[in-house]
């Protein structure tokens, strides 16, 4: 994993959005986000590339990964929709799909990494 984008960034973002580490999908989603930050092309190949890669890391199957990311999306939608809409740069009229959630979160981290630090 790239040191420029530590796993703690994605975990911190998920925590701010209201997801806690007791959800099985917490670390799986954080890992998936980090992989997408490293290579945004992964967002175009979720079921063939991203989900299997996350599944290998967590010793499960890609369907479980997708389900767990969907659960994370539900939790975020219920607990902190306002922040999610801020990260998405606009209103969301329905809960994001796992693909949309990963795109929103990874783009947010990429933009945060490129922004100069606030003083």
PDB file of N, CA and C in Angstrom:
ATOM      1  N   UNK A   1       0.844  -1.177   0.000  1.00  0.00           N
ATOM      2  CA  UNK A   1       0.000   0.000   0.000  1.00  0.00           C
ATOM      3  C   UNK A   1       0.886   1.236   0.000  1.00  0.00           C
ATOM      4  N   UNK A   2       0.488   2.241  -0.736  1.00  0.00           N
ATOM      5  CA  UNK A   2       1.226   3.485  -0.900  1.00  0.00           C
ATOM      6  C   UNK A   2       1.260   4.262   0.416  1.00  0.00           C
ATOM      7  N   UNK A   3       2.446   4.700   0.841  1.00  0.00           N
ATOM      8  CA  UNK A   3       2.580   5.437   2.093  1.00  0.00           C
ATOM      9  C   UNK A   3       1.959   6.820   2.032  1.00  0.00           C
ATOM     10  N   UNK A   4       1.757   7.362   0.830  1.00  0.00           N
ATOM     11  CA  UNK A   4       1.139   8.682   0.713  1.00  0.00           C
ATOM     12  C   UNK A   4      -0.323   8.666   1.125  1.00  0.00           C
ATOM     13  N   UNK A   5      -0.943   7.514   1.073  1.00  0.00           N
ATOM     14  CA  UNK A   5      -2.348   7.384   1.399  1.00  0.00           C
ATOM     15  C   UNK A   5      -2.526   6.303   2.464  1.00  0.00           C
ATOM     16  N   UNK A   6      -2.203   6.605   3.701  1.00  0.00           N
ATOM     17  CA  UNK A   6      -2.297   5.571   4.730  1.00  0.00           C
ATOM     18  C   UNK A   6      -3.733   5.122   4.957  1.00  0.00           C
ATOM     19  N   UNK A   7      -3.873   3.887   5.340  1.00  0.00           N
ATOM     20  CA  UNK A   7      -5.188   3.304   5.614  1.00  0.00           C
ATOM     21  C   UNK A   7      -5.938   4.141   6.637  1.00  0.00           C
ATOM     22  N   UNK A   8      -5.213   4.792   7.539  1.00  0.00           N
ATOM     23  CA  UNK A   8      -5.866   5.589   8.583  1.00  0.00           C
ATOM     24  C   UNK A   8      -6.693   6.717   8.003  1.00  0.00           C
ATOM     25  N   UNK A   9      -6.333   7.255   6.828  1.00  0.00           N
ATOM     26  CA  UNK A   9      -7.130   8.315   6.202  1.00  0.00           C
ATOM     27  C   UNK A   9      -8.525   7.807   5.865  1.00  0.00           C
ATOM     28  N   UNK A  10      -8.619   6.656   5.242  1.00  0.00           N
ATOM     29  CA  UNK A  10      -9.914   6.095   4.880  1.00  0.00           C
ATOM     30  C   UNK A  10     -10.699   5.702   6.128  1.00  0.00           C
ATOM     31  N   UNK A  11     -10.021   5.163   7.110  1.00  0.00           N
ATOM     32  CA  UNK A  11     -10.696   4.800   8.363  1.00  0.00           C
ATOM     33  C   UNK A  11     -11.228   6.044   9.061  1.00  0.00           C
ATOM     34  N   UNK A  12     -10.439   7.093   9.075  1.00  0.00           N
ATOM     35  CA  UNK A  12     -10.873   8.355   9.683  1.00  0.00           C
ATOM     36  C   UNK A  12     -12.072   8.936   8.971  1.00  0.00           C
ATOM     37  N   UNK A  13     -12.060   8.873   7.664  1.00  0.00           N
ATOM     38  CA  UNK A  13     -13.179   9.374   6.871  1.00  0.00           C
ATOM     39  C   UNK A  13     -14.443   8.571   7.168  1.00  0.00           C
ATOM     40  N   UNK A  14     -14.321   7.256   7.202  1.00  0.00           N
ATOM     41  CA  UNK A  14     -15.481   6.420   7.534  1.00  0.00           C
ATOM     42  C   UNK A  14     -15.999   6.715   8.935  1.00  0.00           C
ATOM     43  N   UNK A  15     -15.102   6.923   9.878  1.00  0.00           N
ATOM     44  CA  UNK A  15     -15.512   7.254  11.237  1.00  0.00           C
ATOM     45  C   UNK A  15     -16.274   8.573  11.281  1.00  0.00           C
ATOM     46  N   UNK A  16     -15.779   9.580  10.550  1.00  0.00           N
ATOM     47  CA  UNK A  16     -16.469  10.870  10.479  1.00  0.00           C
ATOM     48  C   UNK A  16     -17.861  10.725   9.885  1.00  0.00           C
ATOM     49  N   UNK A  17     -18.020   9.765   9.008  1.00  0.00           N
ATOM     50  CA  UNK A  17     -19.308   9.534   8.361  1.00  0.00           C
ATOM     51  C   UNK A  17     -20.253   8.692   9.220  1.00  0.00           C
ATOM     52  N   UNK A  18     -19.783   8.243  10.373  1.00  0.00           N
ATOM     53  CA  UNK A  18     -20.641   7.520  11.302  1.00  0.00           C
ATOM     54  C   UNK A  18     -20.505   6.018  11.302  1.00  0.00           C
ATOM     55  N   UNK A  19     -19.540   5.499  10.560  1.00  0.00           N
ATOM     56  CA  UNK A  19     -19.330   4.050  10.520  1.00  0.00           C
ATOM     57  C   UNK A  19     -18.293   3.693  11.579  1.00  0.00           C
ATOM     58  N   UNK A  20     -18.568   2.678  12.347  1.00  0.00           N
ATOM     59  CA  UNK A  20     -17.625   2.251  13.383  1.00  0.00           C
ATOM     60  C   UNK A  20     -16.979   0.928  12.993  1.00  0.00           C
ATOM     61  N   UNK A  21     -15.883   0.631  13.651  1.00  0.00           N
ATOM     62  CA  UNK A  21     -15.087  -0.549  13.299  1.00  0.00           C
ATOM     63  C   UNK A  21     -15.778  -1.862  13.640  1.00  0.00           C
ATOM     64  N   UNK A  22     -16.908  -1.823  14.329  1.00  0.00           N
ATOM     65  CA  UNK A  22     -17.597  -3.083  14.625  1.00  0.00           C
ATOM     66  C   UNK A  22     -18.335  -3.626  13.408  1.00  0.00           C
ATOM     67  N   UNK A  23     -18.479  -2.822  12.360  1.00  0.00           N
ATOM     68  CA  UNK A  23     -19.051  -3.325  11.111  1.00  0.00           C
ATOM     69  C   UNK A  23     -17.977  -4.072  10.340  1.00  0.00           C
ATOM     70  N   UNK A  24     -18.300  -5.250   9.876  1.00  0.00           N
ATOM     71  CA  UNK A  24     -17.351  -6.057   9.129  1.00  0.00           C
ATOM     72  C   UNK A  24     -16.838  -5.298   7.910  1.00  0.00           C
ATOM     73  N   UNK A  25     -17.690  -4.517   7.294  1.00  0.00           N
ATOM     74  CA  UNK A  25     -17.323  -3.782   6.099  1.00  0.00           C
ATOM     75  C   UNK A  25     -16.471  -2.547   6.339  1.00  0.00           C
ATOM     76  N   UNK A  26     -16.276  -2.157   7.585  1.00  0.00           N
ATOM     77  CA  UNK A  26     -15.496  -0.947   7.881  1.00  0.00           C
ATOM     78  C   UNK A  26     -14.101  -1.031   7.269  1.00  0.00           C
ATOM     79  N   UNK A  27     -13.336  -2.034   7.645  1.00  0.00           N
ATOM     80  CA  UNK A  27     -11.959  -2.148   7.153  1.00  0.00           C
ATOM     81  C   UNK A  27     -11.925  -2.576   5.684  1.00  0.00           C
ATOM     82  N   UNK A  28     -12.901  -3.372   5.270  1.00  0.00           N
ATOM     83  CA  UNK A  28     -12.973  -3.773   3.867  1.00  0.00           C
ATOM     84  C   UNK A  28     -13.219  -2.560   2.976  1.00  0.00           C
ATOM     85  N   UNK A  29     -14.120  -1.682   3.396  1.00  0.00           N
ATOM     86  CA  UNK A  29     -14.403  -0.468   2.624  1.00  0.00           C
ATOM     87  C   UNK A  29     -13.190   0.451   2.630  1.00  0.00           C
ATOM     88  N   UNK A  30     -12.562   0.598   3.790  1.00  0.00           N
ATOM     89  CA  UNK A  30     -11.370   1.448   3.878  1.00  0.00           C
ATOM     90  C   UNK A  30     -10.273   0.939   2.942  1.00  0.00           C
ATOM     91  N   UNK A  31     -10.079  -0.364   2.916  1.00  0.00           N
ATOM     92  CA  UNK A  31      -9.071  -0.949   2.042  1.00  0.00           C
ATOM     93  C   UNK A  31      -9.440  -0.723   0.572  1.00  0.00           C
ATOM     94  N   UNK A  32     -10.704  -0.924   0.237  1.00  0.00           N
ATOM     95  CA  UNK A  32     -11.162  -0.714  -1.139  1.00  0.00           C
ATOM     96  C   UNK A  32     -10.966   0.741  -1.557  1.00  0.00           C
ATOM     97  N   UNK A  33     -11.261   1.666  -0.659  1.00  0.00           N
ATOM     98  CA  UNK A  33     -11.072   3.090  -0.954  1.00  0.00           C
ATOM     99  C   UNK A  33      -9.599   3.368  -1.219  1.00  0.00           C
ATOM    100  N   UNK A  34      -8.733   2.833  -0.385  1.00  0.00           N
ATOM    101  CA  UNK A  34      -7.301   3.064  -0.568  1.00  0.00           C
ATOM    102  C   UNK A  34      -6.807   2.494  -1.902  1.00  0.00           C
ATOM    103  N   UNK A  35      -7.301   1.334  -2.273  1.00  0.00           N
ATOM    104  CA  UNK A  35      -6.924   0.753  -3.562  1.00  0.00           C
ATOM    105  C   UNK A  35      -7.385   1.646  -4.709  1.00  0.00           C
ATOM    106  N   UNK A  36      -8.567   2.235  -4.575  1.00  0.00           N
ATOM    107  CA  UNK A  36      -9.090   3.132  -5.617  1.00  0.00           C
ATOM    108  C   UNK A  36      -8.313   4.445  -5.648  1.00  0.00           C
ATOM    109  N   UNK A  37      -7.833   4.891  -4.510  1.00  0.00           N
ATOM    110  CA  UNK A  37      -7.005   6.100  -4.472  1.00  0.00           C
ATOM    111  C   UNK A  37      -5.701   5.828  -5.218  1.00  0.00           C
ATOM    112  N   UNK A  38      -5.128   4.671  -4.978  1.00  0.00           N
ATOM    113  CA  UNK A  38      -3.877   4.301  -5.644  1.00  0.00           C
ATOM    114  C   UNK A  38      -4.053   4.151  -7.145  1.00  0.00           C
ATOM    115  N   UNK A  39      -5.203   3.595  -7.556  1.00  0.00           N
ATOM    116  CA  UNK A  39      -5.455   3.367  -8.982  1.00  0.00           C
ATOM    117  C   UNK A  39      -6.947   3.544  -9.259  1.00  0.00           C
ATOM    118  N   UNK A  40      -7.361   4.765  -9.624  1.00  0.00           N
ATOM    119  CA  UNK A  40      -8.781   5.034  -9.880  1.00  0.00           C
ATOM    120  C   UNK A  40      -9.406   4.146 -10.959  1.00  0.00           C
ATOM    121  N   UNK A  41      -8.595   3.538 -11.811  1.00  0.00           N
ATOM    122  CA  UNK A  41      -9.122   2.620 -12.833  1.00  0.00           C
ATOM    123  C   UNK A  41      -9.852   1.435 -12.201  1.00  0.00           C
ATOM    124  N   UNK A  42      -9.534   1.134 -10.956  1.00  0.00           N
ATOM    125  CA  UNK A  42     -10.196   0.015 -10.271  1.00  0.00           C
ATOM    126  C   UNK A  42     -11.704   0.247 -10.174  1.00  0.00           C
ATOM    127  N   UNK A  43     -12.120   1.506 -10.135  1.00  0.00           N
ATOM    128  CA  UNK A  43     -13.551   1.806 -10.053  1.00  0.00           C
ATOM    129  C   UNK A  43     -14.302   1.341 -11.294  1.00  0.00           C
ATOM    130  N   UNK A  44     -13.599   1.167 -12.388  1.00  0.00           N
ATOM    131  CA  UNK A  44     -14.219   0.708 -13.629  1.00  0.00           C
ATOM    132  C   UNK A  44     -14.334  -0.816 -13.688  1.00  0.00           C
ATOM    133  N   UNK A  45     -13.667  -1.499 -12.757  1.00  0.00           N
ATOM    134  CA  UNK A  45     -13.625  -2.961 -12.788  1.00  0.00           C
ATOM    135  C   UNK A  45     -13.853  -3.547 -11.403  1.00  0.00           C
ATOM    136  N   UNK A  46     -14.948  -3.158 -10.783  1.00  0.00           N
ATOM    137  CA  UNK A  46     -15.187  -3.596  -9.408  1.00  0.00           C
ATOM    138  C   UNK A  46     -15.278  -5.104  -9.257  1.00  0.00           C
ATOM    139  N   UNK A  47     -16.182  -5.728  -9.979  1.00  0.00           N
ATOM    140  CA  UNK A  47     -16.392  -7.159  -9.755  1.00  0.00           C
ATOM    141  C   UNK A  47     -15.264  -8.016 -10.309  1.00  0.00           C
ATOM    142  N   UNK A  48     -14.538  -7.507 -11.287  1.00  0.00           N
ATOM    143  CA  UNK A  48     -13.444  -8.297 -11.860  1.00  0.00           C
ATOM    144  C   UNK A  48     -12.100  -8.050 -11.202  1.00  0.00           C
ATOM    145  N   UNK A  49     -11.933  -6.871 -10.625  1.00  0.00           N
ATOM    146  CA  UNK A  49     -10.608  -6.524 -10.118  1.00  0.00           C
ATOM    147  C   UNK A  49     -10.610  -6.102  -8.648  1.00  0.00           C
ATOM    148  N   UNK A  50     -11.423  -5.107  -8.302  1.00  0.00           N
ATOM    149  CA  UNK A  50     -11.363  -4.553  -6.947  1.00  0.00           C
ATOM    150  C   UNK A  50     -11.913  -5.508  -5.892  1.00  0.00           C
ATOM    151  N   UNK A  51     -13.157  -5.952  -6.055  1.00  0.00           N
ATOM    152  CA  UNK A  51     -13.746  -6.825  -5.042  1.00  0.00           C
ATOM    153  C   UNK A  51     -12.930  -8.099  -4.818  1.00  0.00           C
ATOM    154  N   UNK A  52     -12.452  -8.768  -5.878  1.00  0.00           N
ATOM    155  CA  UNK A  52     -11.626  -9.954  -5.624  1.00  0.00           C
ATOM    156  C   UNK A  52     -10.334  -9.637  -4.866  1.00  0.00           C
ATOM    157  N   UNK A  53      -9.750  -8.478  -5.157  1.00  0.00           N
ATOM    158  CA  UNK A  53      -8.514  -8.095  -4.461  1.00  0.00           C
ATOM    159  C   UNK A  53      -8.778  -7.868  -2.969  1.00  0.00           C
ATOM    160  N   UNK A  54      -9.869  -7.194  -2.659  1.00  0.00           N
ATOM    161  CA  UNK A  54     -10.243  -6.963  -1.251  1.00  0.00           C
ATOM    162  C   UNK A  54     -10.616  -8.296  -0.606  1.00  0.00           C
ATOM    163  N   UNK A  55     -11.333  -9.132  -1.338  1.00  0.00           N
ATOM    164  CA  UNK A  55     -11.740 -10.438  -0.801  1.00  0.00           C
ATOM    165  C   UNK A  55     -10.533 -11.299  -0.438  1.00  0.00           C
ATOM    166  N   UNK A  56      -9.498 -11.283  -1.276  1.00  0.00           N
ATOM    167  CA  UNK A  56      -8.269 -12.049  -0.953  1.00  0.00           C
ATOM    168  C   UNK A  56      -7.637 -11.527   0.333  1.00  0.00           C
ATOM    169  N   UNK A  57      -7.609 -10.215   0.488  1.00  0.00           N
ATOM    170  CA  UNK A  57      -7.008  -9.608   1.685  1.00  0.00           C
ATOM    171  C   UNK A  57      -7.751 -10.038   2.956  1.00  0.00           C
ATOM    172  N   UNK A  58      -9.073 -10.172   2.855  1.00  0.00           N
ATOM    173  CA  UNK A  58      -9.894 -10.482   4.026  1.00  0.00           C
ATOM    174  C   UNK A  58     -10.422 -11.912   4.035  1.00  0.00           C
ATOM    175  N   UNK A  59      -9.865 -12.744   3.159  1.00  0.00           N
ATOM    176  CA  UNK A  59     -10.174 -14.173   3.146  1.00  0.00           C
ATOM    177  C   UNK A  59     -11.681 -14.452   3.062  1.00  0.00           C
ATOM    178  N   UNK A  60     -12.298 -13.843   2.069  1.00  0.00           N
ATOM    179  CA  UNK A  60     -13.724 -14.049   1.840  1.00  0.00           C
ATOM    180  C   UNK A  60     -13.981 -14.005   0.336  1.00  0.00           C
ATOM    181  N   UNK A  61     -15.224 -13.867  -0.077  1.00  0.00           N
ATOM    182  CA  UNK A  61     -15.525 -13.809  -1.511  1.00  0.00           C
ATOM    183  C   UNK A  61     -15.993 -12.413  -1.900  1.00  0.00           C
ATOM    184  N   UNK A  62     -15.998 -12.140  -3.202  1.00  0.00           N
ATOM    185  CA  UNK A  62     -16.303 -10.788  -3.667  1.00  0.00           C
ATOM    186  C   UNK A  62     -17.734 -10.383  -3.369  1.00  0.00           C
ATOM    187  N   UNK A  63     -18.649 -11.335  -3.321  1.00  0.00           N
ATOM    188  CA  UNK A  63     -20.050 -11.003  -3.020  1.00  0.00           C
ATOM    189  C   UNK A  63     -20.197 -10.490  -1.592  1.00  0.00           C
ATOM    190  N   UNK A  64     -19.439 -11.078  -0.686  1.00  0.00           N
ATOM    191  CA  UNK A  64     -19.464 -10.617   0.708  1.00  0.00           C
ATOM    192  C   UNK A  64     -18.908  -9.197   0.809  1.00  0.00           C
ATOM    193  N   UNK A  65     -17.876  -8.921   0.031  1.00  0.00           N
ATOM    194  CA  UNK A  65     -17.294  -7.574   0.031  1.00  0.00           C
ATOM    195  C   UNK A  65     -18.321  -6.565  -0.453  1.00  0.00           C
ATOM    196  N   UNK A  66     -18.986  -6.868  -1.556  1.00  0.00           N
ATOM    197  CA  UNK A  66     -19.993  -5.958  -2.096  1.00  0.00           C
ATOM    198  C   UNK A  66     -21.121  -5.737  -1.086  1.00  0.00           C
ATOM    199  N   UNK A  67     -21.583  -6.804  -0.457  1.00  0.00           N
ATOM    200  CA  UNK A  67     -22.643  -6.705   0.543  1.00  0.00           C
ATOM    201  C   UNK A  67     -22.206  -5.843   1.716  1.00  0.00           C
ATOM    202  N   UNK A  68     -20.973  -6.038   2.180  1.00  0.00           N
ATOM    203  CA  UNK A  68     -20.482  -5.279   3.327  1.00  0.00           C
ATOM    204  C   UNK A  68     -20.302  -3.800   2.997  1.00  0.00           C
ATOM    205  N   UNK A  69     -19.872  -3.494   1.783  1.00  0.00           N
ATOM    206  CA  UNK A  69     -19.750  -2.091   1.368  1.00  0.00           C
ATOM    207  C   UNK A  69     -21.148  -1.474   1.248  1.00  0.00           C
ATOM    208  N   UNK A  70     -22.110  -2.248   0.776  1.00  0.00           N
ATOM    209  CA  UNK A  70     -23.494  -1.762   0.712  1.00  0.00           C
ATOM    210  C   UNK A  70     -24.012  -1.449   2.114  1.00  0.00           C
ATOM    211  N   UNK A  71     -23.686  -2.298   3.085  1.00  0.00           N
ATOM    212  CA  UNK A  71     -24.086  -2.051   4.473  1.00  0.00           C
ATOM    213  C   UNK A  71     -23.459  -0.761   4.979  1.00  0.00           C
ATOM    214  N   UNK A  72     -22.191  -0.531   4.680  1.00  0.00           N
ATOM    215  CA  UNK A  72     -21.521   0.706   5.063  1.00  0.00           C
ATOM    216  C   UNK A  72     -22.243   1.903   4.447  1.00  0.00           C
ATOM    217  N   UNK A  73     -22.650   1.777   3.202  1.00  0.00           N
ATOM    218  CA  UNK A  73     -23.387   2.843   2.525  1.00  0.00           C
ATOM    219  C   UNK A  73     -24.699   3.139   3.249  1.00  0.00           C
ATOM    220  N   UNK A  74     -25.398   2.112   3.671  1.00  0.00           N
ATOM    221  CA  UNK A  74     -26.656   2.278   4.407  1.00  0.00           C
ATOM    222  C   UNK A  74     -26.413   3.007   5.723  1.00  0.00           C
ATOM    223  N   UNK A  75     -25.366   2.615   6.432  1.00  0.00           N
ATOM    224  CA  UNK A  75     -25.040   3.252   7.711  1.00  0.00           C
ATOM    225  C   UNK A  75     -24.723   4.733   7.505  1.00  0.00           C
ATOM    226  N   UNK A  76     -23.910   5.034   6.512  1.00  0.00           N
ATOM    227  CA  UNK A  76     -23.553   6.428   6.235  1.00  0.00           C
ATOM    228  C   UNK A  76     -24.799   7.219   5.860  1.00  0.00           C
ATOM    229  N   UNK A  77     -25.630   6.663   5.014  1.00  0.00           N
ATOM    230  CA  UNK A  77     -26.853   7.330   4.565  1.00  0.00           C
ATOM    231  C   UNK A  77     -27.745   7.670   5.763  1.00  0.00           C
ATOM    232  N   UNK A  78     -27.811   6.761   6.717  1.00  0.00           N
ATOM    233  CA  UNK A  78     -28.653   6.944   7.897  1.00  0.00           C
ATOM    234  C   UNK A  78     -28.029   7.895   8.914  1.00  0.00           C
ATOM    235  N   UNK A  79     -26.711   7.825   9.090  1.00  0.00           N
ATOM    236  CA  UNK A  79     -26.072   8.574  10.177  1.00  0.00           C
ATOM    237  C   UNK A  79     -25.507   9.933   9.773  1.00  0.00           C
ATOM    238  N   UNK A  80     -25.003  10.080   8.544  1.00  0.00           N
ATOM    239  CA  UNK A  80     -24.358  11.346   8.196  1.00  0.00           C
ATOM    240  C   UNK A  80     -24.492  11.660   6.704  1.00  0.00           C
ATOM    241  N   UNK A  81     -25.721  11.699   6.278  1.00  0.00           N
ATOM    242  CA  UNK A  81     -26.000  11.998   4.870  1.00  0.00           C
ATOM    243  C   UNK A  81     -25.477  13.381   4.479  1.00  0.00           C
ATOM    244  N   UNK A  82     -25.556  14.331   5.405  1.00  0.00           N
ATOM    245  CA  UNK A  82     -25.115  15.698   5.117  1.00  0.00           C
ATOM    246  C   UNK A  82     -23.645  15.741   4.722  1.00  0.00           C
ATOM    247  N   UNK A  83     -22.783  15.090   5.505  1.00  0.00           N
ATOM    248  CA  UNK A  83     -21.357  15.072   5.174  1.00  0.00           C
ATOM    249  C   UNK A  83     -21.115  14.320   3.868  1.00  0.00           C
ATOM    250  N   UNK A  84     -21.826  13.241   3.649  1.00  0.00           N
ATOM    251  CA  UNK A  84     -21.675  12.492   2.407  1.00  0.00           C
ATOM    252  C   UNK A  84     -22.016  13.376   1.209  1.00  0.00           C
ATOM    253  N   UNK A  85     -23.071  14.165   1.326  1.00  0.00           N
ATOM    254  CA  UNK A  85     -23.445  15.078   0.237  1.00  0.00           C
ATOM    255  C   UNK A  85     -22.385  16.162   0.040  1.00  0.00           C
ATOM    256  N   UNK A  86     -21.770  16.610   1.131  1.00  0.00           N
ATOM    257  CA  UNK A  86     -20.675  17.578   0.999  1.00  0.00           C
ATOM    258  C   UNK A  86     -19.501  16.952   0.248  1.00  0.00           C
ATOM    259  N   UNK A  87     -19.182  15.721   0.583  1.00  0.00           N
ATOM    260  CA  UNK A  87     -18.091  15.026  -0.099  1.00  0.00           C
ATOM    261  C   UNK A  87     -18.420  14.787  -1.566  1.00  0.00           C
ATOM    262  N   UNK A  88     -19.705  14.574  -1.855  1.00  0.00           N
ATOM    263  CA  UNK A  88     -20.142  14.333  -3.234  1.00  0.00           C
ATOM    264  C   UNK A  88     -20.302  15.647  -4.007  1.00  0.00           C
ATOM    265  N   UNK A  89     -20.153  16.763  -3.318  1.00  0.00           N
ATOM    266  CA  UNK A  89     -20.276  18.101  -3.934  1.00  0.00           C
ATOM    267  C   UNK A  89     -21.669  18.350  -4.498  1.00  0.00           C
ATOM    268  N   UNK A  90     -22.674  17.811  -3.839  1.00  0.00           N
ATOM    269  CA  UNK A  90     -24.037  18.065  -4.279  1.00  0.00           C
ATOM    270  C   UNK A  90     -25.020  17.138  -3.600  1.00  0.00           C
ATOM    271  N   UNK A  91     -26.295  17.418  -3.798  1.00  0.00           N
ATOM    272  CA  UNK A  91     -27.321  16.589  -3.150  1.00  0.00           C
ATOM    273  C   UNK A  91     -27.364  15.178  -3.735  1.00  0.00           C
ATOM    274  N   UNK A  92     -27.673  14.244  -2.882  1.00  0.00           N
ATOM    275  CA  UNK A  92     -27.876  12.853  -3.293  1.00  0.00           C
ATOM    276  C   UNK A  92     -29.340  12.532  -3.027  1.00  0.00           C
ATOM    277  N   UNK A  93     -30.046  12.096  -4.030  1.00  0.00           N
ATOM    278  CA  UNK A  93     -31.476  11.852  -3.891  1.00  0.00           C
ATOM    279  C   UNK A  93     -31.801  10.420  -3.506  1.00  0.00           C
ATOM    280  N   UNK A  94     -30.798   9.567  -3.601  1.00  0.00           N
ATOM    281  CA  UNK A  94     -30.950   8.199  -3.116  1.00  0.00           C
ATOM    282  C   UNK A  94     -29.596   7.712  -2.626  1.00  0.00           C
ATOM    283  N   UNK A  95     -29.658   6.672  -1.801  1.00  0.00           N
ATOM    284  CA  UNK A  95     -28.433   6.123  -1.235  1.00  0.00           C
ATOM    285  C   UNK A  95     -27.501   5.677  -2.351  1.00  0.00           C
ATOM    286  N   UNK A  96     -26.203   6.028  -2.218  1.00  0.00           N
ATOM    287  CA  UNK A  96     -25.267   5.639  -3.277  1.00  0.00           C
ATOM    288  C   UNK A  96     -25.054   4.129  -3.329  1.00  0.00           C
ATOM    289  N   UNK A  97     -24.826   3.650  -4.535  1.00  0.00           N
ATOM    290  CA  UNK A  97     -24.466   2.247  -4.730  1.00  0.00           C
ATOM    291  C   UNK A  97     -23.050   2.052  -4.184  1.00  0.00           C
ATOM    292  N   UNK A  98     -22.616   0.816  -4.009  1.00  0.00           N
ATOM    293  CA  UNK A  98     -21.236   0.602  -3.567  1.00  0.00           C
ATOM    294  C   UNK A  98     -20.220   1.288  -4.490  1.00  0.00           C
ATOM    295  N   UNK A  99     -20.449   1.235  -5.798  1.00  0.00           N
ATOM    296  CA  UNK A  99     -19.544   1.886  -6.742  1.00  0.00           C
ATOM    297  C   UNK A  99     -19.512   3.391  -6.517  1.00  0.00           C
ATOM    298  N   UNK A 100     -20.694   3.993  -6.379  1.00  0.00           N
ATOM    299  CA  UNK A 100     -20.769   5.432  -6.166  1.00  0.00           C
ATOM    300  C   UNK A 100     -20.114   5.821  -4.845  1.00  0.00           C
ATOM    301  N   UNK A 101     -20.353   5.027  -3.798  1.00  0.00           N
ATOM    302  CA  UNK A 101     -19.754   5.331  -2.502  1.00  0.00           C
ATOM    303  C   UNK A 101     -18.231   5.296  -2.590  1.00  0.00           C
ATOM    304  N   UNK A 102     -17.685   4.262  -3.209  1.00  0.00           N
ATOM    305  CA  UNK A 102     -16.235   4.169  -3.343  1.00  0.00           C
ATOM    306  C   UNK A 102     -15.679   5.331  -4.159  1.00  0.00           C
ATOM    307  N   UNK A 103     -16.404   5.744  -5.189  1.00  0.00           N
ATOM    308  CA  UNK A 103     -15.963   6.879  -6.006  1.00  0.00           C
ATOM    309  C   UNK A 103     -15.958   8.172  -5.186  1.00  0.00           C
ATOM    310  N   UNK A 104     -17.013   8.404  -4.416  1.00  0.00           N
ATOM    311  CA  UNK A 104     -17.100   9.613  -3.595  1.00  0.00           C
ATOM    312  C   UNK A 104     -15.974   9.639  -2.565  1.00  0.00           C
ATOM    313  N   UNK A 105     -15.791   8.538  -1.861  1.00  0.00           N
ATOM    314  CA  UNK A 105     -14.785   8.495  -0.790  1.00  0.00           C
ATOM    315  C   UNK A 105     -13.364   8.588  -1.335  1.00  0.00           C
ATOM    316  N   UNK A 106     -13.071   7.855  -2.406  1.00  0.00           N
ATOM    317  CA  UNK A 106     -11.707   7.885  -2.939  1.00  0.00           C
ATOM    318  C   UNK A 106     -11.394   9.255  -3.543  1.00  0.00           C
ATOM    319  N   UNK A 107     -12.350   9.862  -4.224  1.00  0.00           N
ATOM    320  CA  UNK A 107     -12.137  11.204  -4.778  1.00  0.00           C
ATOM    321  C   UNK A 107     -11.909  12.214  -3.659  1.00  0.00           C
ATOM    322  N   UNK A 108     -12.651  12.086  -2.582  1.00  0.00           N
ATOM    323  CA  UNK A 108     -12.477  12.982  -1.431  1.00  0.00           C
ATOM    324  C   UNK A 108     -11.073  12.883  -0.858  1.00  0.00           C
ATOM    325  N   UNK A 109     -10.588  11.663  -0.726  1.00  0.00           N
ATOM    326  CA  UNK A 109      -9.231  11.487  -0.198  1.00  0.00           C
ATOM    327  C   UNK A 109      -8.188  12.011  -1.170  1.00  0.00           C
ATOM    328  N   UNK A 110      -8.388  11.776  -2.452  1.00  0.00           N
ATOM    329  CA  UNK A 110      -7.442  12.299  -3.453  1.00  0.00           C
ATOM    330  C   UNK A 110      -7.391  13.817  -3.408  1.00  0.00           C
ATOM    331  N   UNK A 111      -8.542  14.450  -3.338  1.00  0.00           N
ATOM    332  CA  UNK A 111      -8.589  15.915  -3.286  1.00  0.00           C
ATOM    333  C   UNK A 111      -7.965  16.442  -1.995  1.00  0.00           C
ATOM    334  N   UNK A 112      -8.202  15.746  -0.893  1.00  0.00           N
ATOM    335  CA  UNK A 112      -7.619  16.166   0.383  1.00  0.00           C
ATOM    336  C   UNK A 112      -6.096  16.058   0.355  1.00  0.00           C
ATOM    337  N   UNK A 113      -5.578  15.026  -0.307  1.00  0.00           N
ATOM    338  CA  UNK A 113      -4.136  14.838  -0.391  1.00  0.00           C
ATOM    339  C   UNK A 113      -3.496  15.917  -1.258  1.00  0.00           C
ATOM    340  N   UNK A 114      -4.219  16.396  -2.265  1.00  0.00           N
ATOM    341  CA  UNK A 114      -3.668  17.394  -3.188  1.00  0.00           C
ATOM    342  C   UNK A 114      -3.814  18.811  -2.664  1.00  0.00           C
ATOM    343  N   UNK A 115      -4.728  19.017  -1.704  1.00  0.00           N
ATOM    344  CA  UNK A 115      -4.945  20.361  -1.168  1.00  0.00           C
ATOM    345  C   UNK A 115      -3.791  20.758  -0.257  1.00  0.00           C
ATOM    346  N   UNK A 116      -3.387  22.031  -0.307  1.00  0.00           N
ATOM    347  CA  UNK A 116      -2.349  22.462   0.623  1.00  0.00           C
ATOM    348  C   UNK A 116      -2.888  22.465   2.052  1.00  0.00           C
ATOM    349  N   UNK A 117      -2.040  22.202   3.024  1.00  0.00           N
ATOM    350  CA  UNK A 117      -2.500  22.173   4.413  1.00  0.00           C
ATOM    351  C   UNK A 117      -3.012  23.543   4.832  1.00  0.00           C
ATOM    352  N   UNK A 118      -4.067  23.551   5.648  1.00  0.00           N
ATOM    353  CA  UNK A 118      -4.612  24.795   6.161  1.00  0.00           C
ATOM    354  C   UNK A 118      -3.797  25.251   7.356  1.00  0.00           C
ATOM    355  N   UNK A 119      -3.571  26.550   7.419  1.00  0.00           N
ATOM    356  CA  UNK A 119      -2.797  27.093   8.557  1.00  0.00           C
ATOM    357  C   UNK A 119      -3.615  28.049   9.360  1.00  0.00           C
TER     358      UNK A 119
END
